[in-house]
Protein backbone atom coordinates (compact mmCIF):
# COMPACT_ATOMS: atom_id res chain seq x y z
CA ALA A 1 -264.35 -26.74 37.74
CA ALA A 2 -261.75 -26.59 39.94
CA THR A 3 -263.74 -25.05 42.87
CA ASP A 4 -265.83 -28.80 42.52
CA ARG A 5 -265.57 -30.85 46.25
CA GLY A 6 -265.45 -34.53 45.66
CA VAL A 7 -263.29 -37.00 44.35
CA VAL A 8 -260.88 -35.71 41.82
CA THR A 9 -259.16 -39.21 41.03
CA THR A 10 -258.55 -42.45 42.17
CA HIS A 11 -255.58 -45.20 41.52
CA LEU A 12 -256.73 -48.61 42.27
CA ARG A 13 -253.91 -51.65 42.15
CA SER A 14 -253.55 -55.56 43.66
CA ASP A 15 -250.73 -57.94 43.17
CA GLY A 16 -251.55 -61.62 44.30
CA ARG A 17 -248.31 -62.74 43.91
CA HIS A 18 -247.50 -61.06 47.29
CA LYS A 19 -250.64 -62.58 49.32
CA ALA A 20 -248.34 -64.45 51.40
CA LYS A 21 -246.70 -61.66 52.63
CA LEU A 22 -249.81 -59.97 54.08
CA PHE A 23 -252.93 -62.22 54.58
CA VAL A 24 -255.63 -63.35 57.41
CA ASP A 25 -255.28 -67.01 57.64
CA GLY A 26 -258.76 -67.33 58.14
CA GLY A 27 -262.28 -66.09 58.67
CA PRO A 28 -265.94 -66.91 59.32
CA SER A 29 -266.67 -67.85 55.44
CA SER A 30 -263.50 -69.42 54.82
CA THR A 31 -262.71 -71.01 58.44
CA GLN A 32 -265.60 -70.21 60.52
CA THR A 33 -263.00 -68.73 62.50
CA VAL A 34 -261.54 -65.62 63.47
CA GLY A 35 -258.16 -65.58 61.52
CA HIS A 36 -254.84 -64.22 62.22
CA LEU A 37 -253.24 -61.47 60.73
CA ARG A 38 -250.11 -62.93 58.92
CA MET A 39 -247.38 -60.40 58.05
CA GLU A 40 -243.61 -60.61 56.54
CA GLY A 41 -242.59 -57.41 58.18
CA ARG A 42 -239.25 -56.44 56.49
CA GLU A 43 -241.10 -57.73 53.06
CA VAL A 44 -244.03 -55.67 53.37
CA PHE A 45 -241.96 -52.66 54.12
CA LYS A 46 -239.87 -53.19 51.16
CA HIS A 47 -242.76 -53.33 48.89
CA ALA A 48 -244.67 -50.39 50.46
CA VAL A 49 -242.77 -47.00 49.59
CA GLY A 50 -242.55 -47.74 45.43
CA MET A 51 -246.33 -49.04 45.45
CA ILE A 52 -247.73 -46.23 47.90
CA THR A 53 -245.78 -43.85 45.58
CA ASP A 54 -246.63 -45.17 42.46
CA VAL A 55 -250.35 -44.60 43.35
CA ILE A 56 -249.68 -41.44 43.82
CA VAL A 57 -247.57 -40.23 41.39
CA ASP A 58 -250.63 -41.40 38.75
CA ALA A 59 -253.03 -39.19 40.94
CA PHE A 60 -250.79 -36.24 40.35
CA GLN A 61 -250.30 -36.97 36.83
CA ALA A 62 -253.70 -37.62 36.19
CA THR A 63 -254.66 -34.34 37.32
CA GLY A 64 -251.68 -32.02 37.01
CA LEU A 65 -251.26 -31.57 40.83
CA ASN A 66 -248.28 -31.77 42.59
CA ALA A 67 -246.67 -32.22 46.23
CA ASP A 68 -246.87 -28.60 46.75
CA SER A 69 -250.53 -28.13 45.17
CA ILE A 70 -251.69 -30.69 48.17
CA ASP A 71 -253.00 -28.87 51.16
CA TRP A 72 -252.49 -32.42 53.83
CA PHE A 73 -251.40 -36.41 53.10
CA VAL A 74 -253.74 -38.04 55.15
CA PRO A 75 -251.71 -41.99 54.65
CA HIS A 76 -253.13 -45.35 55.78
CA GLN A 77 -251.18 -45.17 59.32
CA ALA A 78 -249.30 -48.34 58.96
CA ASN A 79 -246.27 -47.28 61.23
CA LYS A 80 -244.13 -43.93 60.93
CA ARG A 81 -241.58 -45.23 59.02
CA ILE A 82 -243.22 -45.89 55.78
CA ILE A 83 -245.27 -42.56 56.39
CA ASP A 84 -242.41 -40.91 56.51
CA ALA A 85 -240.34 -42.51 53.92
CA SER A 86 -243.41 -41.86 51.23
CA ALA A 87 -243.70 -38.42 52.09
CA HIS A 88 -239.74 -38.00 51.51
CA LYS A 89 -239.96 -39.53 48.49
CA LEU A 90 -242.50 -37.71 47.17
CA HIS A 91 -241.09 -34.39 48.42
CA ILE A 92 -244.59 -33.77 50.63
CA ALA A 93 -243.41 -31.31 53.40
CA PRO A 94 -244.01 -32.81 56.77
CA GLU A 95 -245.98 -30.57 58.51
CA LYS A 96 -248.59 -31.55 55.53
CA VAL A 97 -249.08 -34.75 57.04
CA VAL A 98 -252.07 -35.99 59.06
CA LEU A 99 -249.87 -38.51 61.34
CA THR A 100 -252.28 -40.37 64.63
CA VAL A 101 -250.44 -43.97 64.06
CA ASP A 102 -248.55 -42.90 67.52
CA ARG A 103 -252.38 -42.27 68.84
CA HIS A 104 -254.38 -45.45 67.93
CA GLY A 105 -251.62 -47.87 66.05
CA ASN A 106 -252.65 -49.16 63.05
CA THR A 107 -256.07 -49.64 63.16
CA SER A 108 -256.02 -51.53 59.71
CA ALA A 109 -258.72 -50.24 57.57
CA ALA A 110 -260.35 -47.44 59.58
CA SER A 111 -256.57 -45.52 59.90
CA ILE A 112 -257.55 -43.14 57.03
CA PRO A 113 -260.92 -42.54 58.36
CA LEU A 114 -260.08 -42.26 62.18
CA ALA A 115 -257.05 -39.68 60.66
CA LEU A 116 -259.64 -37.49 58.70
CA SER A 117 -261.62 -37.56 62.24
CA VAL A 118 -258.86 -36.22 63.87
CA ALA A 119 -257.72 -33.40 61.58
CA ARG A 120 -261.54 -32.24 60.62
CA LYS A 121 -261.84 -31.95 64.42
CA ASP A 122 -258.54 -29.99 65.49
CA GLY A 123 -259.55 -27.84 62.53
CA ARG A 124 -256.39 -28.68 59.89
CA ILE A 125 -258.60 -30.08 57.18
CA LYS A 126 -261.41 -27.24 55.74
CA LYS A 127 -263.53 -26.87 53.24
CA GLY A 128 -261.87 -26.41 49.71
CA ASP A 129 -258.70 -28.19 50.97
CA VAL A 130 -257.18 -30.63 48.44
CA VAL A 131 -256.42 -33.78 50.30
CA LEU A 132 -254.12 -37.08 49.03
CA LEU A 133 -255.31 -40.42 50.50
CA GLU A 134 -253.01 -43.47 50.44
CA ALA A 135 -253.74 -46.99 51.92
CA MET A 136 -252.11 -50.71 51.15
CA GLY A 137 -253.79 -53.78 52.59
CA GLY A 138 -253.52 -57.66 52.59
CA GLY A 139 -253.27 -59.47 49.95
CA PHE A 140 -251.39 -56.69 48.42
CA THR A 141 -253.92 -54.26 47.05
CA TRP A 142 -253.05 -51.08 47.68
CA GLY A 143 -254.50 -47.08 45.76
CA SER A 144 -254.50 -43.52 46.06
CA ALA A 145 -257.16 -41.40 46.09
CA LEU A 146 -257.06 -37.46 45.82
CA VAL A 147 -260.15 -35.77 46.88
CA ARG A 148 -261.35 -31.78 47.24
CA TRP A 149 -262.90 -31.37 50.91
């Protein structure tokens, strides 16, 4: 039913052909070192908006929802330019976008949970709200989740 809470739909993608554009060059299991993030920023930006919007369009098609149907858009907080460009391309109103990159910077995998926490604590996200999440990560992985809070 429309009132059920939880994950409504998810859409996950990966494309290893783009690995060199965003990856970590080591780690305890591969090189016994810490490893450093390597990123070709311009290239990542070029691909990010298209990939992010692609999985969100898939979520909308799977559910029959659209930008007007969602209450909140909580994107991966990589940078404001990618977030703004994605929201604009999808016709998501700026007031529906939860933006915290200005507070914590790009915290990688923690960025969506941090943004959700902020929006819950300040009263924006409420029980029953439709929340759209999206993320993009290394090696080129990306995805969306539509959740009824």
